[in-house]
Amino acid sequence: MRYLVNPSSEAVREVLRRGWIDHPGTGARMELGQMTTPAEGREPLTGDDGEPVWFAADNGCFSAKGAINADRWHTWLTKLVAGREHRCLFAVAPDLFNPDLGNDMGVTSLQHSRTYFSGVRELGVPVAVVAQNGLTPAVIAPYWREFDVLFLGGCVECVPCRWVPTIAQLERMRTTKNYTCPICRHGLTEWKESRAAQRLAHAAKPEWRPDSWKSVHLGRLNSARRRKLAEVFGVDTADGTFLTYGPDKNLARLARWPDDNLFSAAA
């Protein structure tokens, strides 16, 4: 798995230029790359090999709650990837992050994103679609050929009753730290950690047709626990802000995260 980060300190920039971080004592390494965003405005670093580091282009819809200028985004993306197409892992098509849509968010967001697929592909880079709450393998089945990367996103929900909080309810929950379903009283779960998201990730890599596999990306991976989940889901790339806050301290912690093939040894 390649972990995409922000170049938030000189120590982080150093390992980004190298392209990996060593796991102490095991000889294993975690591949690294850079996640770029329109708001951040940074261009990809130049690696030790003289090439741009491996990078992906996010769209800024999550932090902006979906309110982005599509023309401005495409202009930014065009300049970003020009001459760097061979090192761009993917560009994320604009999506609709709107929990007020409940379990319709996944379908509505997919149809919205589809209008941008061709514009990304014309730039010569793979296009990623953000999967949101309510999206299923059956719904996405007709569209697999239209994109290249399945990006697992979404927001919290109640797994037993499939209740999704509205934006206003989410804000109250963040304030009170009470993430409990008001309907069935179960604790809420991030959709990207759910069985529904896992089924989508597995559908992206059909065992009977490996030539049609899609890459799978996991958003907001900021803990060793979610790193383990990424292995179970078969994730190829992930991003997170783990190194954005306390970058040098967390860089040492990142190196101790579990490496790939967690389940290769006998139990």
C-alpha atoms as a PDB file:
ATOM      1  CA  MET A   1       0.000   0.000   0.000  1.00  0.00           C
ATOM      2  CA  ARG A   2       1.208   3.504  -0.803  1.00  0.00           C
ATOM      3  CA  TYR A   3       0.360   6.139   1.810  1.00  0.00           C
ATOM      4  CA  LEU A   4      -0.253   9.663   0.479  1.00  0.00           C
ATOM      5  CA  VAL A   5       0.623  12.553   2.787  1.00  0.00           C
ATOM      6  CA  ASN A   6       1.182  16.304   2.855  1.00  0.00           C
ATOM      7  CA  PRO A   7       4.809  17.570   2.873  1.00  0.00           C
ATOM      8  CA  SER A   8       4.306  19.166   6.276  1.00  0.00           C
ATOM      9  CA  SER A   9       7.921  19.311   7.540  1.00  0.00           C
ATOM     10  CA  GLU A  10      11.445  18.936   6.215  1.00  0.00           C
ATOM     11  CA  ALA A  11      11.679  15.442   7.699  1.00  0.00           C
ATOM     12  CA  VAL A  12       8.462  14.438   5.892  1.00  0.00           C
ATOM     13  CA  ARG A  13       9.684  16.035   2.669  1.00  0.00           C
ATOM     14  CA  GLU A  14      12.909  14.035   2.950  1.00  0.00           C
ATOM     15  CA  VAL A  15      11.148  10.660   3.102  1.00  0.00           C
ATOM     16  CA  LEU A  16       8.705  11.766   0.398  1.00  0.00           C
ATOM     17  CA  ARG A  17      11.589  12.532  -1.944  1.00  0.00           C
ATOM     18  CA  ARG A  18      13.031   9.097  -1.205  1.00  0.00           C
ATOM     19  CA  GLY A  19       9.621   7.495  -1.728  1.00  0.00           C
ATOM     20  CA  TRP A  20       9.322   5.251   1.292  1.00  0.00           C
ATOM     21  CA  ILE A  21       9.794   4.909   5.043  1.00  0.00           C
ATOM     22  CA  ASP A  22      11.564   1.916   6.579  1.00  0.00           C
ATOM     23  CA  HIS A  23       9.857  -0.263   9.170  1.00  0.00           C
ATOM     24  CA  PRO A  24      12.351  -0.505  12.072  1.00  0.00           C
ATOM     25  CA  GLY A  25      13.786  -3.961  12.634  1.00  0.00           C
ATOM     26  CA  THR A  26      11.937  -5.797   9.858  1.00  0.00           C
ATOM     27  CA  GLY A  27      13.462  -4.521   6.643  1.00  0.00           C
ATOM     28  CA  ALA A  28       9.965  -3.790   5.334  1.00  0.00           C
ATOM     29  CA  ARG A  29       9.040  -0.404   3.976  1.00  0.00           C
ATOM     30  CA  MET A  30       5.893   1.659   3.478  1.00  0.00           C
ATOM     31  CA  GLU A  31       5.684   3.301   0.069  1.00  0.00           C
ATOM     32  CA  LEU A  32       4.866   6.999   0.253  1.00  0.00           C
ATOM     33  CA  GLY A  33       3.394   9.592  -2.078  1.00  0.00           C
ATOM     34  CA  GLN A  34       1.996  13.112  -1.962  1.00  0.00           C
ATOM     35  CA  MET A  35      -1.653  14.094  -1.844  1.00  0.00           C
ATOM     36  CA  THR A  36      -2.235  17.450  -3.505  1.00  0.00           C
ATOM     37  CA  THR A  37      -5.338  19.627  -3.106  1.00  0.00           C
ATOM     38  CA  PRO A  38      -6.562  22.845  -4.757  1.00  0.00           C
ATOM     39  CA  ALA A  39      -6.717  24.689  -1.415  1.00  0.00           C
ATOM     40  CA  GLU A  40      -3.187  23.680  -0.467  1.00  0.00           C
ATOM     41  CA  GLY A  41      -1.788  24.784  -3.824  1.00  0.00           C
ATOM     42  CA  ARG A  42       1.463  22.807  -3.580  1.00  0.00           C
ATOM     43  CA  GLU A  43       2.999  21.118  -6.586  1.00  0.00           C
ATOM     44  CA  PRO A  44       4.465  17.609  -6.259  1.00  0.00           C
ATOM     45  CA  LEU A  45       7.981  17.491  -4.850  1.00  0.00           C
ATOM     46  CA  THR A  46      10.885  16.341  -6.991  1.00  0.00           C
ATOM     47  CA  GLY A  47      12.147  12.969  -5.827  1.00  0.00           C
ATOM     48  CA  ASP A  48      15.708  11.775  -5.343  1.00  0.00           C
ATOM     49  CA  ASP A  49      15.520  10.225  -8.810  1.00  0.00           C
ATOM     50  CA  GLY A  50      14.873  13.621 -10.393  1.00  0.00           C
ATOM     51  CA  GLU A  51      11.270  12.730 -11.211  1.00  0.00           C
ATOM     52  CA  PRO A  52       8.164  14.091  -9.513  1.00  0.00           C
ATOM     53  CA  VAL A  53       7.214  12.015  -6.484  1.00  0.00           C
ATOM     54  CA  TRP A  54       4.197   9.757  -6.924  1.00  0.00           C
ATOM     55  CA  PHE A  55       1.159  11.906  -6.247  1.00  0.00           C
ATOM     56  CA  ALA A  56      -2.630  12.078  -6.465  1.00  0.00           C
ATOM     57  CA  ALA A  57      -4.883  15.088  -6.997  1.00  0.00           C
ATOM     58  CA  ASP A  58      -7.812  15.442  -4.620  1.00  0.00           C
ATOM     59  CA  ASN A  59     -10.724  17.737  -5.440  1.00  0.00           C
ATOM     60  CA  GLY A  60     -11.302  19.583  -2.144  1.00  0.00           C
ATOM     61  CA  CYS A  61     -15.018  18.701  -2.039  1.00  0.00           C
ATOM     62  CA  PHE A  62     -14.927  17.146   1.435  1.00  0.00           C
ATOM     63  CA  SER A  63     -13.322  20.113   3.200  1.00  0.00           C
ATOM     64  CA  ALA A  64     -15.447  22.539   1.183  1.00  0.00           C
ATOM     65  CA  LYS A  65     -18.613  20.502   1.846  1.00  0.00           C
ATOM     66  CA  GLY A  66     -19.025  20.125  -1.905  1.00  0.00           C
ATOM     67  CA  ALA A  67     -18.976  23.851  -2.724  1.00  0.00           C
ATOM     68  CA  ILE A  68     -16.121  24.036  -5.241  1.00  0.00           C
ATOM     69  CA  ASN A  69     -15.791  25.894  -8.521  1.00  0.00           C
ATOM     70  CA  ALA A  70     -15.507  23.120 -11.121  1.00  0.00           C
ATOM     71  CA  ASP A  71     -13.855  25.334 -13.753  1.00  0.00           C
ATOM     72  CA  ARG A  72     -11.258  26.550 -11.281  1.00  0.00           C
ATOM     73  CA  TRP A  73     -10.629  22.959 -10.164  1.00  0.00           C
ATOM     74  CA  HIS A  74     -10.066  21.791 -13.749  1.00  0.00           C
ATOM     75  CA  THR A  75      -7.692  24.675 -14.458  1.00  0.00           C
ATOM     76  CA  TRP A  76      -5.711  23.790 -11.326  1.00  0.00           C
ATOM     77  CA  LEU A  77      -5.648  20.108 -12.263  1.00  0.00           C
ATOM     78  CA  THR A  78      -4.524  20.829 -15.820  1.00  0.00           C
ATOM     79  CA  LYS A  79      -1.533  22.850 -14.616  1.00  0.00           C
ATOM     80  CA  LEU A  80      -0.747  20.328 -11.872  1.00  0.00           C
ATOM     81  CA  VAL A  81      -0.449  17.251 -14.059  1.00  0.00           C
ATOM     82  CA  ALA A  82       1.126  18.868 -17.155  1.00  0.00           C
ATOM     83  CA  GLY A  83       4.431  17.068 -17.718  1.00  0.00           C
ATOM     84  CA  ARG A  84       3.806  14.879 -14.645  1.00  0.00           C
ATOM     85  CA  GLU A  85       1.125  12.572 -16.054  1.00  0.00           C
ATOM     86  CA  HIS A  86       3.374   9.518 -15.682  1.00  0.00           C
ATOM     87  CA  ARG A  87       3.639  10.066 -11.915  1.00  0.00           C
ATOM     88  CA  CYS A  88      -0.009  10.893 -11.193  1.00  0.00           C
ATOM     89  CA  LEU A  89      -1.713   7.952  -9.497  1.00  0.00           C
ATOM     90  CA  PHE A  90      -5.173   9.453 -10.041  1.00  0.00           C
ATOM     91  CA  ALA A  91      -7.233  12.621  -9.991  1.00  0.00           C
ATOM     92  CA  VAL A  92     -10.450  12.583  -7.959  1.00  0.00           C
ATOM     93  CA  ALA A  93     -13.516  13.672  -9.924  1.00  0.00           C
ATOM     94  CA  PRO A  94     -15.654  16.221  -8.035  1.00  0.00           C
ATOM     95  CA  ASP A  95     -18.210  14.447  -5.860  1.00  0.00           C
ATOM     96  CA  LEU A  96     -21.149  15.433  -3.686  1.00  0.00           C
ATOM     97  CA  PHE A  97     -20.447  15.078   0.011  1.00  0.00           C
ATOM     98  CA  ASN A  98     -23.883  15.869   1.417  1.00  0.00           C
ATOM     99  CA  PRO A  99     -25.009  13.694   4.353  1.00  0.00           C
ATOM    100  CA  ASP A 100     -28.431  15.382   4.145  1.00  0.00           C
ATOM    101  CA  LEU A 101     -29.043  13.002   1.209  1.00  0.00           C
ATOM    102  CA  GLY A 102     -28.782  10.005   3.542  1.00  0.00           C
ATOM    103  CA  ASN A 103     -28.273   6.713   1.720  1.00  0.00           C
ATOM    104  CA  ASP A 104     -28.997   8.429  -1.586  1.00  0.00           C
ATOM    105  CA  MET A 105     -25.692  10.271  -1.292  1.00  0.00           C
ATOM    106  CA  GLY A 106     -23.763   7.445  -2.982  1.00  0.00           C
ATOM    107  CA  VAL A 107     -25.962   7.265  -6.087  1.00  0.00           C
ATOM    108  CA  THR A 108     -26.351  11.035  -6.421  1.00  0.00           C
ATOM    109  CA  SER A 109     -22.635  11.636  -5.982  1.00  0.00           C
ATOM    110  CA  LEU A 110     -21.749   8.964  -8.562  1.00  0.00           C
ATOM    111  CA  GLN A 111     -23.992  10.517 -11.204  1.00  0.00           C
ATOM    112  CA  HIS A 112     -22.551  13.947 -10.431  1.00  0.00           C
ATOM    113  CA  SER A 113     -18.961  12.679 -10.713  1.00  0.00           C
ATOM    114  CA  ARG A 114     -19.582  10.963 -14.036  1.00  0.00           C
ATOM    115  CA  THR A 115     -19.899  14.341 -15.760  1.00  0.00           C
ATOM    116  CA  TYR A 116     -16.203  14.986 -14.990  1.00  0.00           C
ATOM    117  CA  PHE A 117     -14.682  11.608 -15.913  1.00  0.00           C
ATOM    118  CA  SER A 118     -13.891  12.431 -19.535  1.00  0.00           C
ATOM    119  CA  GLY A 119     -12.314  15.765 -18.603  1.00  0.00           C
ATOM    120  CA  VAL A 120      -9.871  14.001 -16.274  1.00  0.00           C
ATOM    121  CA  ARG A 121      -9.094  11.218 -18.738  1.00  0.00           C
ATOM    122  CA  GLU A 122      -8.343  13.790 -21.454  1.00  0.00           C
ATOM    123  CA  LEU A 123      -5.468  15.019 -19.279  1.00  0.00           C
ATOM    124  CA  GLY A 124      -3.874  11.578 -19.507  1.00  0.00           C
ATOM    125  CA  VAL A 125      -4.325  10.554 -15.865  1.00  0.00           C
ATOM    126  CA  PRO A 126      -6.489   7.906 -14.151  1.00  0.00           C
ATOM    127  CA  VAL A 127      -9.813   9.119 -12.762  1.00  0.00           C
ATOM    128  CA  ALA A 128     -11.053   8.234  -9.273  1.00  0.00           C
ATOM    129  CA  VAL A 129     -14.680   8.208  -8.141  1.00  0.00           C
ATOM    130  CA  VAL A 130     -15.583   8.746  -4.487  1.00  0.00           C
ATOM    131  CA  ALA A 131     -17.896   6.043  -3.148  1.00  0.00           C
ATOM    132  CA  GLN A 132     -20.374   7.394  -0.592  1.00  0.00           C
ATOM    133  CA  ASN A 133     -23.040   5.986   1.726  1.00  0.00           C
ATOM    134  CA  GLY A 134     -25.639   3.826  -0.009  1.00  0.00           C
ATOM    135  CA  LEU A 135     -23.521   2.850  -3.010  1.00  0.00           C
ATOM    136  CA  THR A 136     -23.611  -0.880  -3.797  1.00  0.00           C
ATOM    137  CA  PRO A 137     -21.905  -3.191  -6.327  1.00  0.00           C
ATOM    138  CA  ALA A 138     -25.225  -3.541  -8.176  1.00  0.00           C
ATOM    139  CA  VAL A 139     -25.618   0.234  -8.556  1.00  0.00           C
ATOM    140  CA  ILE A 140     -22.052   0.844  -9.701  1.00  0.00           C
ATOM    141  CA  ALA A 141     -21.884  -2.224 -11.980  1.00  0.00           C
ATOM    142  CA  PRO A 142     -22.807  -0.400 -15.241  1.00  0.00           C
ATOM    143  CA  TYR A 143     -20.077   2.202 -14.697  1.00  0.00           C
ATOM    144  CA  TRP A 144     -16.908   0.214 -13.886  1.00  0.00           C
ATOM    145  CA  ARG A 145     -15.406   0.929 -17.312  1.00  0.00           C
ATOM    146  CA  GLU A 146     -15.842   4.688 -16.915  1.00  0.00           C
ATOM    147  CA  PHE A 147     -13.295   5.182 -14.138  1.00  0.00           C
ATOM    148  CA  ASP A 148     -10.017   3.730 -12.853  1.00  0.00           C
ATOM    149  CA  VAL A 149      -9.919   4.071  -9.058  1.00  0.00           C
ATOM    150  CA  LEU A 150     -12.561   3.414  -6.393  1.00  0.00           C
ATOM    151  CA  PHE A 151     -12.091   5.960  -3.590  1.00  0.00           C
ATOM    152  CA  LEU A 152     -13.805   4.880  -0.337  1.00  0.00           C
ATOM    153  CA  GLY A 153     -15.219   8.003   1.342  1.00  0.00           C
ATOM    154  CA  GLY A 154     -18.603   8.676   2.946  1.00  0.00           C
ATOM    155  CA  CYS A 155     -19.592   9.662   6.467  1.00  0.00           C
ATOM    156  CA  VAL A 156     -20.720   7.927   9.655  1.00  0.00           C
ATOM    157  CA  GLU A 157     -23.914   5.892   9.726  1.00  0.00           C
ATOM    158  CA  CYS A 158     -25.759   3.360  11.879  1.00  0.00           C
ATOM    159  CA  VAL A 159     -25.081  -0.085  10.433  1.00  0.00           C
ATOM    160  CA  PRO A 160     -28.137  -1.907  11.936  1.00  0.00           C
ATOM    161  CA  CYS A 161     -30.783   0.591  10.746  1.00  0.00           C
ATOM    162  CA  ARG A 162     -28.754   2.440   8.048  1.00  0.00           C
ATOM    163  CA  TRP A 163     -29.542   5.852   9.570  1.00  0.00           C
ATOM    164  CA  VAL A 164     -27.274   8.634   8.282  1.00  0.00           C
ATOM    165  CA  PRO A 165     -27.074  11.877  10.283  1.00  0.00           C
ATOM    166  CA  THR A 166     -27.646  15.179   8.520  1.00  0.00           C
ATOM    167  CA  ILE A 167     -24.938  17.841   8.406  1.00  0.00           C
ATOM    168  CA  ALA A 168     -26.544  19.687  11.319  1.00  0.00           C
ATOM    169  CA  GLN A 169     -26.760  16.467  13.353  1.00  0.00           C
ATOM    170  CA  LEU A 170     -23.119  15.689  12.569  1.00  0.00           C
ATOM    171  CA  GLU A 171     -22.070  19.082  13.889  1.00  0.00           C
ATOM    172  CA  ARG A 172     -23.996  18.515  17.127  1.00  0.00           C
ATOM    173  CA  MET A 173     -22.387  15.092  17.490  1.00  0.00           C
ATOM    174  CA  ARG A 174     -18.921  16.557  17.065  1.00  0.00           C
ATOM    175  CA  THR A 175     -19.715  19.105  19.768  1.00  0.00           C
ATOM    176  CA  THR A 176     -21.211  16.642  22.249  1.00  0.00           C
ATOM    177  CA  LYS A 177     -18.947  13.701  21.291  1.00  0.00           C
ATOM    178  CA  ASN A 178     -22.100  11.559  21.294  1.00  0.00           C
ATOM    179  CA  TYR A 179     -22.083   9.373  18.188  1.00  0.00           C
ATOM    180  CA  THR A 180     -25.173   7.297  18.982  1.00  0.00           C
ATOM    181  CA  CYS A 181     -28.053   6.510  16.651  1.00  0.00           C
ATOM    182  CA  PRO A 182     -31.238   8.211  17.960  1.00  0.00           C
ATOM    183  CA  ILE A 183     -33.364   5.461  16.409  1.00  0.00           C
ATOM    184  CA  CYS A 184     -31.834   2.182  17.611  1.00  0.00           C
ATOM    185  CA  ARG A 185     -29.208   3.525  20.055  1.00  0.00           C
ATOM    186  CA  HIS A 186     -26.296   1.754  18.367  1.00  0.00           C
ATOM    187  CA  GLY A 187     -22.974   3.501  17.997  1.00  0.00           C
ATOM    188  CA  LEU A 188     -22.227   4.969  14.577  1.00  0.00           C
ATOM    189  CA  THR A 189     -19.592   3.607  12.207  1.00  0.00           C
ATOM    190  CA  GLU A 190     -17.661   5.282   9.415  1.00  0.00           C
ATOM    191  CA  TRP A 191     -19.223   4.022   6.180  1.00  0.00           C
ATOM    192  CA  LYS A 192     -15.764   3.405   4.714  1.00  0.00           C
ATOM    193  CA  GLU A 193     -15.204   0.807   7.479  1.00  0.00           C
ATOM    194  CA  SER A 194     -18.482  -1.011   6.862  1.00  0.00           C
ATOM    195  CA  ARG A 195     -19.230  -4.323   5.202  1.00  0.00           C
ATOM    196  CA  ALA A 196     -20.927  -2.342   2.440  1.00  0.00           C
ATOM    197  CA  ALA A 197     -17.648  -0.568   1.658  1.00  0.00           C
ATOM    198  CA  GLN A 198     -15.753  -3.855   1.853  1.00  0.00           C
ATOM    199  CA  ARG A 199     -18.140  -5.453  -0.646  1.00  0.00           C
ATOM    200  CA  LEU A 200     -17.527  -2.554  -3.031  1.00  0.00           C
ATOM    201  CA  ALA A 201     -13.754  -2.880  -2.628  1.00  0.00           C
ATOM    202  CA  HIS A 202     -13.909  -6.597  -3.377  1.00  0.00           C
ATOM    203  CA  ALA A 203     -16.224  -6.030  -6.348  1.00  0.00           C
ATOM    204  CA  ALA A 204     -13.553  -3.722  -7.768  1.00  0.00           C
ATOM    205  CA  LYS A 205     -11.157  -6.681  -7.953  1.00  0.00           C
ATOM    206  CA  PRO A 206     -13.142  -9.654  -9.320  1.00  0.00           C
ATOM    207  CA  GLU A 207     -11.098 -12.829  -8.870  1.00  0.00           C
ATOM    208  CA  TRP A 208     -12.438 -14.268 -12.107  1.00  0.00           C
ATOM    209  CA  ARG A 209     -11.340 -11.262 -14.195  1.00  0.00           C
ATOM    210  CA  PRO A 210      -8.062  -9.774 -12.855  1.00  0.00           C
ATOM    211  CA  ASP A 211      -7.487  -7.881 -16.129  1.00  0.00           C
ATOM    212  CA  SER A 212     -10.383  -5.571 -15.202  1.00  0.00           C
ATOM    213  CA  TRP A 213      -9.288  -4.795 -11.643  1.00  0.00           C
ATOM    214  CA  LYS A 214      -9.705  -1.267 -10.354  1.00  0.00           C
ATOM    215  CA  SER A 215      -7.354   0.277  -7.829  1.00  0.00           C
ATOM    216  CA  VAL A 216      -8.927   0.946  -4.422  1.00  0.00           C
ATOM    217  CA  HIS A 217      -8.105   4.017  -2.340  1.00  0.00           C
ATOM    218  CA  LEU A 218      -9.079   4.598   1.286  1.00  0.00           C
ATOM    219  CA  GLY A 219      -9.545   8.160   2.506  1.00  0.00           C
ATOM    220  CA  ARG A 220      -8.666   9.499   5.965  1.00  0.00           C
ATOM    221  CA  LEU A 221      -6.417   6.663   7.122  1.00  0.00           C
ATOM    222  CA  ASN A 222      -4.949   8.055  10.346  1.00  0.00           C
ATOM    223  CA  SER A 223      -4.353   5.069  12.617  1.00  0.00           C
ATOM    224  CA  ALA A 224      -2.690   1.665  12.736  1.00  0.00           C
ATOM    225  CA  ARG A 225      -6.144   0.124  13.254  1.00  0.00           C
ATOM    226  CA  ARG A 226      -7.427   1.556   9.981  1.00  0.00           C
ATOM    227  CA  ARG A 227      -4.174   0.451   8.322  1.00  0.00           C
ATOM    228  CA  LYS A 228      -5.073  -3.126   9.267  1.00  0.00           C
ATOM    229  CA  LEU A 229      -8.555  -2.607   7.856  1.00  0.00           C
ATOM    230  CA  ALA A 230      -7.031  -1.395   4.595  1.00  0.00           C
ATOM    231  CA  GLU A 231      -5.192  -4.701   4.286  1.00  0.00           C
ATOM    232  CA  VAL A 232      -8.424  -6.654   4.767  1.00  0.00           C
ATOM    233  CA  PHE A 233     -10.168  -4.532   2.129  1.00  0.00           C
ATOM    234  CA  GLY A 234      -7.339  -4.977  -0.385  1.00  0.00           C
ATOM    235  CA  VAL A 235      -6.558  -1.251  -0.545  1.00  0.00           C
ATOM    236  CA  ASP A 236      -3.813  -0.110  -2.936  1.00  0.00           C
ATOM    237  CA  THR A 237      -3.404   3.491  -1.768  1.00  0.00           C
ATOM    238  CA  ALA A 238      -4.626   5.578   1.160  1.00  0.00           C
ATOM    239  CA  ASP A 239      -4.291   9.136   2.392  1.00  0.00           C
ATOM    240  CA  GLY A 240      -4.505  10.839   5.735  1.00  0.00           C
ATOM    241  CA  THR A 241      -3.499  13.826   7.831  1.00  0.00           C
ATOM    242  CA  PHE A 242      -1.548  11.745  10.360  1.00  0.00           C
ATOM    243  CA  LEU A 243       1.679  13.593   9.489  1.00  0.00           C
ATOM    244  CA  THR A 244       0.064  17.019   9.205  1.00  0.00           C
ATOM    245  CA  TYR A 245      -0.185  17.495  12.969  1.00  0.00           C
ATOM    246  CA  GLY A 246       3.036  16.818  14.855  1.00  0.00           C
ATOM    247  CA  PRO A 247       4.713  15.577  11.660  1.00  0.00           C
ATOM    248  CA  ASP A 248       8.157  14.672  13.007  1.00  0.00           C
ATOM    249  CA  LYS A 249       6.792  12.876  16.080  1.00  0.00           C
ATOM    250  CA  ASN A 250       4.207  11.013  14.039  1.00  0.00           C
ATOM    251  CA  LEU A 251       6.733  10.087  11.355  1.00  0.00           C
ATOM    252  CA  ALA A 252       8.400   7.699  13.824  1.00  0.00           C
ATOM    253  CA  ARG A 253       4.999   6.299  14.797  1.00  0.00           C
ATOM    254  CA  LEU A 254       4.059   5.821  11.139  1.00  0.00           C
ATOM    255  CA  ALA A 255       7.161   3.713  10.616  1.00  0.00           C
ATOM    256  CA  ARG A 256       5.888   1.288  13.255  1.00  0.00           C
ATOM    257  CA  TRP A 257       2.497   0.765  11.631  1.00  0.00           C
ATOM    258  CA  PRO A 258       1.873  -2.801  10.440  1.00  0.00           C
ATOM    259  CA  ASP A 259       3.315  -3.500   7.018  1.00  0.00           C
ATOM    260  CA  ASP A 260       1.660  -5.298   4.100  1.00  0.00           C
ATOM    261  CA  ASN A 261       0.782  -9.013   4.211  1.00  0.00           C
ATOM    262  CA  LEU A 262      -0.407  -8.893   7.818  1.00  0.00           C
ATOM    263  CA  PHE A 263      -1.923 -12.359   7.528  1.00  0.00           C
ATOM    264  CA  SER A 264       0.883 -14.130   5.664  1.00  0.00           C
ATOM    265  CA  ALA A 265       2.251 -15.832   8.802  1.00  0.00           C
ATOM    266  CA  ALA A 266       0.564 -18.838  10.388  1.00  0.00           C
ATOM    267  CA  ALA A 267      -1.755 -18.027  13.273  1.00  0.00           C
END
